[in-house]
C-alpha atoms as a PDB file:
ATOM      1  CA  MET A   1      23.119  59.668  -5.827  1.00  0.00           C
ATOM      2  CA  MET A   2      24.267  56.389  -7.307  1.00  0.00           C
ATOM      3  CA  TYR A   3      22.358  54.890 -10.244  1.00  0.00           C
ATOM      4  CA  PHE A   4      22.074  51.142 -10.646  1.00  0.00           C
ATOM      5  CA  TYR A   5      21.880  49.573 -14.106  1.00  0.00           C
ATOM      6  CA  PHE A   6      21.843  45.935 -15.083  1.00  0.00           C
ATOM      7  CA  VAL A   7      22.232  44.234 -18.442  1.00  0.00           C
ATOM      8  CA  LEU A   8      19.339  42.649 -20.236  1.00  0.00           C
ATOM      9  CA  PRO A   9      20.551  40.345 -23.034  1.00  0.00           C
ATOM     10  CA  HIS A  10      22.245  42.363 -25.809  1.00  0.00           C
ATOM     11  CA  ILE A  11      21.140  45.654 -24.213  1.00  0.00           C
ATOM     12  CA  LEU A  12      23.028  48.231 -22.148  1.00  0.00           C
ATOM     13  CA  TYR A  13      22.178  51.856 -22.797  1.00  0.00           C
ATOM     14  CA  ASN A  14      22.212  54.995 -20.722  1.00  0.00           C
ATOM     15  CA  PHE A  15      18.800  56.632 -20.726  1.00  0.00           C
ATOM     16  CA  VAL A  16      20.071  60.153 -20.185  1.00  0.00           C
ATOM     17  CA  VAL A  17      22.521  60.025 -23.101  1.00  0.00           C
ATOM     18  CA  GLU A  18      19.900  58.552 -25.396  1.00  0.00           C
ATOM     19  CA  LEU A  19      17.405  61.187 -24.311  1.00  0.00           C
ATOM     20  CA  SER A  20      19.806  63.957 -25.283  1.00  0.00           C
ATOM     21  CA  ARG A  21      20.094  62.389 -28.723  1.00  0.00           C
ATOM     22  CA  ASN A  22      16.340  62.371 -29.211  1.00  0.00           C
ATOM     23  CA  THR A  23      15.240  65.785 -27.980  1.00  0.00           C
ATOM     24  CA  ASN A  24      13.615  66.579 -31.302  1.00  0.00           C
ATOM     25  CA  GLN A  25      11.528  63.415 -31.265  1.00  0.00           C
ATOM     26  CA  ASN A  26      10.761  63.064 -27.576  1.00  0.00           C
ATOM     27  CA  THR A  27       9.385  65.486 -24.998  1.00  0.00           C
ATOM     28  CA  ASN A  28      11.394  65.564 -21.765  1.00  0.00           C
ATOM     29  CA  MET A  29       8.744  65.158 -19.073  1.00  0.00           C
ATOM     30  CA  THR A  30      11.130  66.124 -16.323  1.00  0.00           C
ATOM     31  CA  ASN A  31      11.907  69.476 -17.946  1.00  0.00           C
ATOM     32  CA  ILE A  32       8.202  70.141 -18.467  1.00  0.00           C
ATOM     33  CA  LEU A  33       7.486  69.437 -14.821  1.00  0.00           C
ATOM     34  CA  LYS A  34      10.417  71.562 -13.657  1.00  0.00           C
ATOM     35  CA  THR A  35       9.063  74.565 -15.566  1.00  0.00           C
ATOM     36  CA  ASN A  36       5.437  73.865 -14.654  1.00  0.00           C
ATOM     37  CA  GLU A  37       4.155  76.016 -11.797  1.00  0.00           C
ATOM     38  CA  LYS A  38       1.461  73.433 -11.022  1.00  0.00           C
ATOM     39  CA  ASP A  39       2.333  71.126  -8.153  1.00  0.00           C
ATOM     40  CA  ARG A  40      -0.519  68.634  -7.809  1.00  0.00           C
ATOM     41  CA  ILE A  41      -1.148  65.024  -8.815  1.00  0.00           C
ATOM     42  CA  VAL A  42      -4.757  64.335  -9.806  1.00  0.00           C
ATOM     43  CA  VAL A  43      -5.674  60.657  -9.657  1.00  0.00           C
ATOM     44  CA  VAL A  44      -8.677  59.476 -11.673  1.00  0.00           C
ATOM     45  CA  GLY A  45      -9.571  55.981 -10.599  1.00  0.00           C
ATOM     46  CA  SER A  46     -11.190  53.348  -8.459  1.00  0.00           C
ATOM     47  CA  ALA A  47     -11.781  53.046  -4.730  1.00  0.00           C
ATOM     48  CA  ASN A  48     -12.607  49.634  -3.278  1.00  0.00           C
ATOM     49  CA  MET A  49     -12.818  47.850   0.005  1.00  0.00           C
ATOM     50  CA  ASP A  50     -10.452  44.896  -0.092  1.00  0.00           C
ATOM     51  CA  MET A  51     -11.254  41.694   1.763  1.00  0.00           C
ATOM     52  CA  VAL A  52      -8.038  39.724   2.148  1.00  0.00           C
ATOM     53  CA  ILE A  53      -7.389  36.177   3.339  1.00  0.00           C
ATOM     54  CA  SER A  54      -4.236  34.067   3.323  1.00  0.00           C
ATOM     55  CA  ALA A  55      -3.989  30.362   2.541  1.00  0.00           C
ATOM     56  CA  ALA A  56      -1.309  27.706   2.138  1.00  0.00           C
ATOM     57  CA  HIS A  57      -1.950  27.635  -1.608  1.00  0.00           C
ATOM     58  CA  PHE A  58      -4.507  28.868  -4.111  1.00  0.00           C
ATOM     59  CA  PRO A  59      -7.636  26.664  -4.145  1.00  0.00           C
ATOM     60  CA  GLN A  60      -8.211  24.345  -7.072  1.00  0.00           C
ATOM     61  CA  PRO A  61     -11.689  24.291  -8.686  1.00  0.00           C
ATOM     62  CA  GLY A  62     -14.094  22.723  -6.209  1.00  0.00           C
ATOM     63  CA  GLU A  63     -11.576  22.822  -3.342  1.00  0.00           C
ATOM     64  CA  THR A  64     -12.397  24.352   0.042  1.00  0.00           C
ATOM     65  CA  LEU A  65      -9.449  25.622   2.073  1.00  0.00           C
ATOM     66  CA  THR A  66      -9.084  26.852   5.613  1.00  0.00           C
ATOM     67  CA  GLY A  67      -7.526  30.282   5.477  1.00  0.00           C
ATOM     68  CA  TYR A  68      -6.068  32.595   8.081  1.00  0.00           C
ATOM     69  CA  GLY A  69      -5.343  36.252   8.767  1.00  0.00           C
ATOM     70  CA  PHE A  70      -8.566  37.711   7.336  1.00  0.00           C
ATOM     71  CA  MET A  71      -8.673  41.496   7.182  1.00  0.00           C
ATOM     72  CA  THR A  72     -10.400  44.341   5.408  1.00  0.00           C
ATOM     73  CA  ASN A  73      -8.298  47.066   3.843  1.00  0.00           C
ATOM     74  CA  HIS A  74      -9.007  50.112   1.727  1.00  0.00           C
ATOM     75  CA  GLY A  75      -8.001  49.443  -1.882  1.00  0.00           C
ATOM     76  CA  GLY A  76      -8.774  50.074  -5.524  1.00  0.00           C
ATOM     77  CA  LYS A  77      -5.907  50.893  -7.854  1.00  0.00           C
ATOM     78  CA  GLY A  78      -6.788  54.566  -8.016  1.00  0.00           C
ATOM     79  CA  ALA A  79      -7.105  54.999  -4.271  1.00  0.00           C
ATOM     80  CA  ASN A  80      -3.947  52.955  -3.721  1.00  0.00           C
ATOM     81  CA  GLN A  81      -1.893  55.135  -6.037  1.00  0.00           C
ATOM     82  CA  ALA A  82      -3.332  58.291  -4.484  1.00  0.00           C
ATOM     83  CA  VAL A  83      -2.375  57.121  -0.999  1.00  0.00           C
ATOM     84  CA  ALA A  84       1.103  56.054  -2.150  1.00  0.00           C
ATOM     85  CA  ALA A  85       1.756  59.515  -3.582  1.00  0.00           C
ATOM     86  CA  ALA A  86       0.290  61.371  -0.608  1.00  0.00           C
ATOM     87  CA  ARG A  87       2.361  59.409   1.922  1.00  0.00           C
ATOM     88  CA  LEU A  88       5.504  60.337   0.019  1.00  0.00           C
ATOM     89  CA  GLY A  89       4.730  64.035   0.193  1.00  0.00           C
ATOM     90  CA  ALA A  90       2.711  64.856  -2.937  1.00  0.00           C
ATOM     91  CA  ASP A  91      -0.351  67.079  -2.968  1.00  0.00           C
ATOM     92  CA  VAL A  92      -3.047  64.757  -4.324  1.00  0.00           C
ATOM     93  CA  SER A  93      -6.634  65.152  -5.495  1.00  0.00           C
ATOM     94  CA  PHE A  94      -8.823  62.129  -6.193  1.00  0.00           C
ATOM     95  CA  ILE A  95     -11.612  61.859  -8.764  1.00  0.00           C
ATOM     96  CA  GLY A  96     -13.792  58.787  -8.291  1.00  0.00           C
ATOM     97  CA  LYS A  97     -17.113  57.428  -7.071  1.00  0.00           C
ATOM     98  CA  VAL A  98     -18.277  55.361  -4.106  1.00  0.00           C
ATOM     99  CA  GLY A  99     -21.646  54.026  -2.964  1.00  0.00           C
ATOM    100  CA  ASN A 100     -23.830  55.468  -0.236  1.00  0.00           C
ATOM    101  CA  ASP A 101     -22.795  52.760   2.225  1.00  0.00           C
ATOM    102  CA  ASP A 102     -20.443  52.084   5.099  1.00  0.00           C
ATOM    103  CA  PHE A 103     -17.558  51.177   2.770  1.00  0.00           C
ATOM    104  CA  GLY A 104     -18.013  54.420   0.839  1.00  0.00           C
ATOM    105  CA  ARG A 105     -18.127  56.587   3.941  1.00  0.00           C
ATOM    106  CA  ALA A 106     -15.069  54.827   5.318  1.00  0.00           C
ATOM    107  CA  THR A 107     -13.221  55.439   2.039  1.00  0.00           C
ATOM    108  CA  ILE A 108     -13.913  59.165   2.111  1.00  0.00           C
ATOM    109  CA  GLU A 109     -12.807  59.410   5.739  1.00  0.00           C
ATOM    110  CA  MET A 110      -9.643  57.422   5.040  1.00  0.00           C
ATOM    111  CA  MET A 111      -8.615  59.690   2.177  1.00  0.00           C
ATOM    112  CA  ARG A 112      -9.189  62.788   4.267  1.00  0.00           C
ATOM    113  CA  LYS A 113      -6.951  61.361   6.979  1.00  0.00           C
ATOM    114  CA  GLU A 114      -4.264  60.710   4.340  1.00  0.00           C
ATOM    115  CA  GLY A 115      -4.415  64.378   3.330  1.00  0.00           C
ATOM    116  CA  ILE A 116      -6.019  63.706  -0.066  1.00  0.00           C
ATOM    117  CA  ASP A 117      -8.429  66.241  -1.553  1.00  0.00           C
ATOM    118  CA  VAL A 118     -11.796  64.445  -1.963  1.00  0.00           C
ATOM    119  CA  SER A 119     -13.807  67.324  -3.404  1.00  0.00           C
ATOM    120  CA  ALA A 120     -14.362  65.268  -6.593  1.00  0.00           C
ATOM    121  CA  LEU A 121     -14.942  61.903  -4.886  1.00  0.00           C
ATOM    122  CA  THR A 122     -18.697  61.648  -5.305  1.00  0.00           C
ATOM    123  CA  VAL A 123     -21.349  59.346  -3.841  1.00  0.00           C
ATOM    124  CA  THR A 124     -23.871  57.477  -5.984  1.00  0.00           C
ATOM    125  CA  GLU A 125     -27.131  55.751  -5.104  1.00  0.00           C
ATOM    126  CA  GLU A 126     -26.897  53.605  -8.238  1.00  0.00           C
ATOM    127  CA  ALA A 127     -24.348  51.083  -6.965  1.00  0.00           C
ATOM    128  CA  SER A 128     -22.495  49.951  -3.870  1.00  0.00           C
ATOM    129  CA  THR A 129     -18.853  50.766  -3.244  1.00  0.00           C
ATOM    130  CA  GLY A 130     -16.514  48.514  -5.227  1.00  0.00           C
ATOM    131  CA  VAL A 131     -15.017  45.488  -3.509  1.00  0.00           C
ATOM    132  CA  ALA A 132     -12.034  43.201  -4.140  1.00  0.00           C
ATOM    133  CA  LEU A 133     -11.643  39.631  -2.867  1.00  0.00           C
ATOM    134  CA  ILE A 134      -7.932  38.862  -2.460  1.00  0.00           C
ATOM    135  CA  THR A 135      -6.186  35.596  -1.615  1.00  0.00           C
ATOM    136  CA  THR A 136      -2.487  35.593  -0.748  1.00  0.00           C
ATOM    137  CA  ILE A 137      -0.117  32.621  -0.321  1.00  0.00           C
ATOM    138  CA  PRO A 138       3.216  32.361   1.550  1.00  0.00           C
ATOM    139  CA  SER A 139       5.298  33.128  -1.567  1.00  0.00           C
ATOM    140  CA  GLY A 140       3.718  36.601  -1.655  1.00  0.00           C
ATOM    141  CA  GLU A 141       1.687  35.923  -4.796  1.00  0.00           C
ATOM    142  CA  ASN A 142      -1.996  36.799  -4.877  1.00  0.00           C
ATOM    143  CA  THR A 143      -5.226  36.378  -6.810  1.00  0.00           C
ATOM    144  CA  ILE A 144      -7.811  39.155  -6.984  1.00  0.00           C
ATOM    145  CA  ILE A 145     -11.484  39.225  -8.018  1.00  0.00           C
ATOM    146  CA  ILE A 146     -13.042  42.685  -8.328  1.00  0.00           C
ATOM    147  CA  GLU A 147     -16.678  43.829  -8.356  1.00  0.00           C
ATOM    148  CA  PRO A 148     -16.480  47.410  -9.678  1.00  0.00           C
ATOM    149  CA  GLY A 149     -19.697  48.706  -8.156  1.00  0.00           C
ATOM    150  CA  ALA A 150     -19.702  52.509  -8.037  1.00  0.00           C
ATOM    151  CA  ASN A 151     -16.394  52.688  -9.919  1.00  0.00           C
ATOM    152  CA  ALA A 152     -18.268  51.716 -13.089  1.00  0.00           C
ATOM    153  CA  LYS A 153     -20.546  54.723 -12.620  1.00  0.00           C
ATOM    154  CA  LEU A 154     -17.798  57.330 -13.047  1.00  0.00           C
ATOM    155  CA  THR A 155     -18.805  59.319 -16.143  1.00  0.00           C
ATOM    156  CA  PRO A 156     -17.305  61.912 -18.493  1.00  0.00           C
ATOM    157  CA  GLU A 157     -19.692  64.393 -16.879  1.00  0.00           C
ATOM    158  CA  ASP A 158     -17.986  63.755 -13.545  1.00  0.00           C
ATOM    159  CA  ILE A 159     -14.706  64.706 -15.220  1.00  0.00           C
ATOM    160  CA  ASP A 160     -16.230  67.897 -16.599  1.00  0.00           C
ATOM    161  CA  ASN A 161     -17.501  68.766 -13.132  1.00  0.00           C
ATOM    162  CA  ALA A 162     -13.957  68.431 -11.775  1.00  0.00           C
ATOM    163  CA  GLY A 163     -12.466  70.774 -14.368  1.00  0.00           C
ATOM    164  CA  ASP A 164     -10.923  73.067 -11.765  1.00  0.00           C
ATOM    165  CA  LEU A 165      -8.707  70.243 -10.528  1.00  0.00           C
ATOM    166  CA  PHE A 166      -7.235  69.709 -13.983  1.00  0.00           C
ATOM    167  CA  SER A 167      -6.254  73.363 -14.178  1.00  0.00           C
ATOM    168  CA  ARG A 168      -4.107  72.773 -11.064  1.00  0.00           C
ATOM    169  CA  ALA A 169      -2.646  69.415 -12.083  1.00  0.00           C
ATOM    170  CA  ALA A 170       0.985  68.836 -13.070  1.00  0.00           C
ATOM    171  CA  ILE A 171       0.347  65.079 -13.454  1.00  0.00           C
ATOM    172  CA  VAL A 172      -2.889  63.187 -14.053  1.00  0.00           C
ATOM    173  CA  LEU A 173      -2.567  59.514 -13.088  1.00  0.00           C
ATOM    174  CA  MET A 174      -5.105  56.920 -14.257  1.00  0.00           C
ATOM    175  CA  GLN A 175      -5.712  53.162 -14.325  1.00  0.00           C
ATOM    176  CA  LEU A 176      -8.287  50.878 -16.005  1.00  0.00           C
ATOM    177  CA  GLU A 177     -10.758  50.147 -13.189  1.00  0.00           C
ATOM    178  CA  THR A 178     -13.130  52.918 -14.305  1.00  0.00           C
ATOM    179  CA  PRO A 179     -14.871  53.316 -17.694  1.00  0.00           C
ATOM    180  CA  VAL A 180     -12.480  53.918 -20.584  1.00  0.00           C
ATOM    181  CA  ASN A 181     -14.598  56.670 -22.132  1.00  0.00           C
ATOM    182  CA  THR A 182     -14.326  58.554 -18.846  1.00  0.00           C
ATOM    183  CA  LEU A 183     -10.558  58.140 -18.854  1.00  0.00           C
ATOM    184  CA  ALA A 184     -10.406  59.402 -22.441  1.00  0.00           C
ATOM    185  CA  ARG A 185     -12.237  62.567 -21.365  1.00  0.00           C
ATOM    186  CA  ALA A 186      -9.878  62.986 -18.414  1.00  0.00           C
ATOM    187  CA  ALA A 187      -6.776  62.539 -20.593  1.00  0.00           C
ATOM    188  CA  ALA A 188      -8.034  65.066 -23.130  1.00  0.00           C
ATOM    189  CA  MET A 189      -8.839  67.603 -20.435  1.00  0.00           C
ATOM    190  CA  ALA A 190      -5.459  67.057 -18.803  1.00  0.00           C
ATOM    191  CA  LYS A 191      -3.616  67.698 -22.067  1.00  0.00           C
ATOM    192  CA  GLN A 192      -5.679  70.830 -22.697  1.00  0.00           C
ATOM    193  CA  GLN A 193      -4.511  72.107 -19.315  1.00  0.00           C
ATOM    194  CA  GLY A 194      -0.855  71.219 -19.953  1.00  0.00           C
ATOM    195  CA  ALA A 195      -0.612  68.287 -17.531  1.00  0.00           C
ATOM    196  CA  ILE A 196       1.453  65.125 -17.995  1.00  0.00           C
ATOM    197  CA  VAL A 197      -0.862  62.111 -18.458  1.00  0.00           C
ATOM    198  CA  VAL A 198       0.259  58.822 -16.888  1.00  0.00           C
ATOM    199  CA  LEU A 199      -1.700  55.610 -17.524  1.00  0.00           C
ATOM    200  CA  ASN A 200      -1.179  52.379 -15.602  1.00  0.00           C
ATOM    201  CA  PRO A 201      -3.159  49.999 -17.887  1.00  0.00           C
ATOM    202  CA  ALA A 202      -4.230  47.625 -15.139  1.00  0.00           C
ATOM    203  CA  PRO A 203      -6.026  45.360 -15.054  1.00  0.00           C
ATOM    204  CA  ALA A 204      -4.979  44.243 -18.538  1.00  0.00           C
ATOM    205  CA  PRO A 205      -7.622  45.431 -21.032  1.00  0.00           C
ATOM    206  CA  THR A 206      -9.848  42.845 -22.673  1.00  0.00           C
ATOM    207  CA  GLU A 207     -10.405  45.097 -25.709  1.00  0.00           C
ATOM    208  CA  PRO A 208      -8.042  47.436 -27.601  1.00  0.00           C
ATOM    209  CA  LEU A 209      -7.668  50.789 -25.905  1.00  0.00           C
ATOM    210  CA  PRO A 210      -9.154  53.593 -28.016  1.00  0.00           C
ATOM    211  CA  ALA A 211      -6.904  55.952 -29.928  1.00  0.00           C
ATOM    212  CA  GLU A 212      -8.602  58.957 -28.320  1.00  0.00           C
ATOM    213  CA  LEU A 213      -7.199  57.795 -24.989  1.00  0.00           C
ATOM    214  CA  LEU A 214      -3.728  56.644 -26.071  1.00  0.00           C
ATOM    215  CA  GLN A 215      -3.003  59.743 -28.154  1.00  0.00           C
ATOM    216  CA  ASN A 216      -3.099  61.814 -24.968  1.00  0.00           C
ATOM    217  CA  VAL A 217      -0.970  59.478 -22.829  1.00  0.00           C
ATOM    218  CA  ASP A 218       2.568  60.734 -22.127  1.00  0.00           C
ATOM    219  CA  LEU A 219       3.707  57.800 -19.999  1.00  0.00           C
ATOM    220  CA  LEU A 220       2.370  54.234 -20.011  1.00  0.00           C
ATOM    221  CA  ILE A 221       3.294  51.930 -17.102  1.00  0.00           C
ATOM    222  CA  PRO A 222       2.260  48.319 -17.848  1.00  0.00           C
ATOM    223  CA  ASN A 223       3.628  45.147 -16.344  1.00  0.00           C
ATOM    224  CA  GLU A 224       4.834  42.396 -18.673  1.00  0.00           C
ATOM    225  CA  THR A 225       1.355  40.857 -19.060  1.00  0.00           C
ATOM    226  CA  GLU A 226      -0.280  44.207 -19.785  1.00  0.00           C
ATOM    227  CA  ALA A 227       2.486  45.159 -22.221  1.00  0.00           C
ATOM    228  CA  ALA A 228       1.884  41.920 -24.125  1.00  0.00           C
ATOM    229  CA  THR A 229      -1.887  42.431 -24.191  1.00  0.00           C
ATOM    230  CA  ILE A 230      -1.777  46.002 -25.462  1.00  0.00           C
ATOM    231  CA  SER A 231       1.076  45.526 -27.936  1.00  0.00           C
ATOM    232  CA  GLY A 232      -0.266  42.234 -29.269  1.00  0.00           C
ATOM    233  CA  MET A 233       3.238  40.816 -28.926  1.00  0.00           C
ATOM    234  CA  ALA A 234       4.220  37.980 -26.601  1.00  0.00           C
ATOM    235  CA  VAL A 235       6.465  39.038 -23.731  1.00  0.00           C
ATOM    236  CA  GLU A 236       7.823  35.731 -22.461  1.00  0.00           C
ATOM    237  CA  THR A 237      11.437  36.700 -21.776  1.00  0.00           C
ATOM    238  CA  GLU A 238      13.357  39.917 -21.171  1.00  0.00           C
ATOM    239  CA  THR A 239      14.545  39.909 -24.770  1.00  0.00           C
ATOM    240  CA  ASP A 240      10.922  40.413 -25.902  1.00  0.00           C
ATOM    241  CA  ILE A 241      10.549  43.701 -24.016  1.00  0.00           C
ATOM    242  CA  PRO A 242      12.188  46.083 -26.542  1.00  0.00           C
ATOM    243  CA  GLY A 243       9.943  44.890 -29.368  1.00  0.00           C
ATOM    244  CA  ALA A 244       6.820  45.256 -27.239  1.00  0.00           C
ATOM    245  CA  MET A 245       7.891  48.750 -26.227  1.00  0.00           C
ATOM    246  CA  GLU A 246       8.365  49.740 -29.860  1.00  0.00           C
ATOM    247  CA  LYS A 247       4.855  48.497 -30.618  1.00  0.00           C
ATOM    248  CA  LEU A 248       3.460  50.521 -27.728  1.00  0.00           C
ATOM    249  CA  GLN A 249       5.299  53.670 -28.746  1.00  0.00           C
ATOM    250  CA  ALA A 250       3.996  53.203 -32.285  1.00  0.00           C
ATOM    251  CA  LEU A 251       0.526  53.776 -30.818  1.00  0.00           C
ATOM    252  CA  GLY A 252       1.591  57.361 -30.135  1.00  0.00           C
ATOM    253  CA  ILE A 253       2.704  56.984 -26.515  1.00  0.00           C
ATOM    254  CA  GLN A 254       5.819  59.025 -25.800  1.00  0.00           C
ATOM    255  CA  ARG A 255       7.220  56.976 -22.921  1.00  0.00           C
ATOM    256  CA  VAL A 256       6.781  53.388 -21.725  1.00  0.00           C
ATOM    257  CA  ILE A 257       7.975  51.903 -18.457  1.00  0.00           C
ATOM    258  CA  VAL A 258       7.491  48.154 -18.061  1.00  0.00           C
ATOM    259  CA  THR A 259       7.453  46.921 -14.477  1.00  0.00           C
ATOM    260  CA  LEU A 260       9.150  43.551 -13.964  1.00  0.00           C
ATOM    261  CA  GLY A 261       8.030  42.552 -10.479  1.00  0.00           C
ATOM    262  CA  SER A 262      10.973  41.543  -8.309  1.00  0.00           C
ATOM    263  CA  LYS A 263      13.373  42.417 -11.165  1.00  0.00           C
ATOM    264  CA  GLY A 264      12.508  46.118 -11.108  1.00  0.00           C
ATOM    265  CA  ALA A 265      11.470  48.161 -14.141  1.00  0.00           C
ATOM    266  CA  CYS A 266      12.779  49.279 -17.514  1.00  0.00           C
ATOM    267  CA  THR A 267      12.143  52.093 -19.966  1.00  0.00           C
ATOM    268  CA  SER A 268      12.934  52.781 -23.610  1.00  0.00           C
ATOM    269  CA  ILE A 269      13.548  55.697 -25.930  1.00  0.00           C
ATOM    270  CA  GLY A 270      14.161  55.176 -29.608  1.00  0.00           C
ATOM    271  CA  GLY A 271      14.216  51.414 -29.122  1.00  0.00           C
ATOM    272  CA  LYS A 272      17.020  51.546 -26.543  1.00  0.00           C
ATOM    273  CA  LEU A 273      16.440  50.128 -23.086  1.00  0.00           C
ATOM    274  CA  THR A 274      17.584  51.012 -19.556  1.00  0.00           C
ATOM    275  CA  ALA A 275      16.633  48.851 -16.594  1.00  0.00           C
ATOM    276  CA  VAL A 276      16.542  49.732 -12.898  1.00  0.00           C
ATOM    277  CA  PRO A 277      16.560  46.744 -10.543  1.00  0.00           C
ATOM    278  CA  SER A 278      14.486  46.381  -7.423  1.00  0.00           C
ATOM    279  CA  GLU A 279      16.005  45.938  -4.008  1.00  0.00           C
ATOM    280  CA  LYS A 280      16.047  42.331  -2.824  1.00  0.00           C
ATOM    281  CA  VAL A 281      13.582  41.752   0.006  1.00  0.00           C
ATOM    282  CA  GLU A 282      11.567  38.924   1.545  1.00  0.00           C
ATOM    283  CA  ALA A 283       8.139  39.348  -0.078  1.00  0.00           C
ATOM    284  CA  VAL A 284       5.061  38.784   2.073  1.00  0.00           C
ATOM    285  CA  ASP A 285       2.300  40.301  -0.079  1.00  0.00           C
ATOM    286  CA  THR A 286       2.736  41.808  -3.559  1.00  0.00           C
ATOM    287  CA  THR A 287      -0.812  43.215  -3.795  1.00  0.00           C
ATOM    288  CA  ALA A 288       0.213  46.868  -3.676  1.00  0.00           C
ATOM    289  CA  ALA A 289       3.610  46.731  -5.386  1.00  0.00           C
ATOM    290  CA  GLY A 290       2.538  48.076  -8.765  1.00  0.00           C
ATOM    291  CA  ASP A 291       0.344  50.803  -7.289  1.00  0.00           C
ATOM    292  CA  THR A 292       3.084  51.872  -4.900  1.00  0.00           C
ATOM    293  CA  PHE A 293       5.536  52.080  -7.791  1.00  0.00           C
ATOM    294  CA  CYS A 294       3.187  54.279  -9.837  1.00  0.00           C
ATOM    295  CA  GLY A 295       2.382  56.653  -6.983  1.00  0.00           C
ATOM    296  CA  ALA A 296       6.016  56.923  -5.941  1.00  0.00           C
ATOM    297  CA  LEU A 297       7.295  57.441  -9.486  1.00  0.00           C
ATOM    298  CA  CYS A 298       4.807  60.256 -10.132  1.00  0.00           C
ATOM    299  CA  THR A 299       5.740  61.868  -6.820  1.00  0.00           C
ATOM    300  CA  ALA A 300       9.419  61.733  -7.732  1.00  0.00           C
ATOM    301  CA  LEU A 301       8.753  63.253 -11.156  1.00  0.00           C
ATOM    302  CA  LEU A 302       6.716  65.993  -9.507  1.00  0.00           C
ATOM    303  CA  GLN A 303       9.693  66.715  -7.254  1.00  0.00           C
ATOM    304  CA  GLY A 304      11.920  67.195 -10.312  1.00  0.00           C
ATOM    305  CA  LYS A 305      13.749  63.880 -10.378  1.00  0.00           C
ATOM    306  CA  GLU A 306      14.938  62.510 -13.717  1.00  0.00           C
ATOM    307  CA  LEU A 307      13.037  59.515 -15.044  1.00  0.00           C
ATOM    308  CA  THR A 308      15.618  56.884 -14.125  1.00  0.00           C
ATOM    309  CA  GLU A 309      15.935  58.349 -10.638  1.00  0.00           C
ATOM    310  CA  ALA A 310      12.133  58.389 -10.337  1.00  0.00           C
ATOM    311  CA  MET A 311      12.042  54.724 -11.375  1.00  0.00           C
ATOM    312  CA  GLN A 312      14.606  53.905  -8.713  1.00  0.00           C
ATOM    313  CA  TYR A 313      12.491  55.756  -6.142  1.00  0.00           C
ATOM    314  CA  GLY A 314       9.415  53.803  -7.273  1.00  0.00           C
ATOM    315  CA  CYS A 315      11.258  50.486  -7.038  1.00  0.00           C
ATOM    316  CA  LYS A 316      12.462  51.316  -3.543  1.00  0.00           C
ATOM    317  CA  ALA A 317       8.956  52.209  -2.340  1.00  0.00           C
ATOM    318  CA  ALA A 318       7.470  49.079  -3.937  1.00  0.00           C
ATOM    319  CA  ALA A 319      10.127  46.907  -2.303  1.00  0.00           C
ATOM    320  CA  VAL A 320       9.086  48.204   1.111  1.00  0.00           C
ATOM    321  CA  SER A 321       5.397  47.590   0.380  1.00  0.00           C
ATOM    322  CA  VAL A 322       5.822  43.881  -0.422  1.00  0.00           C
ATOM    323  CA  THR A 323       7.347  43.206   2.998  1.00  0.00           C
ATOM    324  CA  ARG A 324       3.993  43.964   4.657  1.00  0.00           C
ATOM    325  CA  ARG A 325       0.476  42.653   4.254  1.00  0.00           C
ATOM    326  CA  GLY A 326      -2.389  44.586   2.712  1.00  0.00           C
ATOM    327  CA  ALA A 327      -2.688  47.243   0.041  1.00  0.00           C
ATOM    328  CA  GLN A 328      -2.687  50.749   1.489  1.00  0.00           C
ATOM    329  CA  MET A 329      -1.643  49.381   4.881  1.00  0.00           C
ATOM    330  CA  SER A 330       1.670  48.318   3.346  1.00  0.00           C
ATOM    331  CA  MET A 331       2.549  51.582   1.613  1.00  0.00           C
ATOM    332  CA  PRO A 332       5.591  53.398   2.990  1.00  0.00           C
ATOM    333  CA  TYR A 333       5.876  56.942   4.258  1.00  0.00           C
ATOM    334  CA  LYS A 334       8.494  59.357   2.999  1.00  0.00           C
ATOM    335  CA  ASN A 335      10.851  58.873   5.957  1.00  0.00           C
ATOM    336  CA  GLU A 336      10.947  55.109   5.311  1.00  0.00           C
ATOM    337  CA  ILE A 337      12.542  55.339   1.872  1.00  0.00           C
ATOM    338  CA  GLU A 338      14.520  58.569   1.913  1.00  0.00           C
ATOM    339  CA  ASP A 339      17.916  58.707   3.564  1.00  0.00           C
END
């Protein structure tokens, strides 16, 4: 398989060579997964019902627009990433919470149809199922407002109750649409069971992430905005990325991949950067791009691919997703991205 690298200013390094030079300082996730008999991705995260409408442009304050193409679509970053991984062939379990309502029942049924284990997707009477209001414009950009609902009711006790799933997990994938203390419990339990912990820190946190969470994260996957927020360092150009990555790794995180939208993604070891570009496509809706990338990358790692190859796989899946409208509706199946 051919690898594609491009040059960021002053930077051109081969990840694999650099990895071999840093085996004493860095754990090779791919080797761990290759020797790990566990073969499941456990996703801890949110499940929403998305309500999507398109418009000619984003409304200004006080402006009323006539939109078009309204649709409802299953969403939530956790559910999205679970579906992305399942469609690409991974065995996936989902830990989350929905309300006792039509949206919640539809979410459970959808996941079952996607082949996702929902034994730890619980129903609460304390809140309605989470919702997201999404506006898209012709350029493919979007704005999103989320009401967490039942997602905010996911507790550390729910994680404890799902302990059997962690014993079967090779990778535990999380985001930031559920309570952080719950994620910290999940990360700790995952590490105790020998799983790789992957955190997509989206949406960007409004407060510093606690050390008890970050110390158990093996791979962090922020976009440029999230990388800037967590590192406390402005990421305004590509030349700012290495410094932000160093700051993030100083927090104790072994690996960082920064997603760059239409430019692809990059990773760093020992301050040296390798970038994998995205395929050029005509974007229609970027809502699910990041979630598709995360689910696809974890699936590729689970299948034994090296990190750069997994990034390329994630970029390819994300590129397909942006050519179609919706979140989970846009996510590709395995036969769409594998030759």
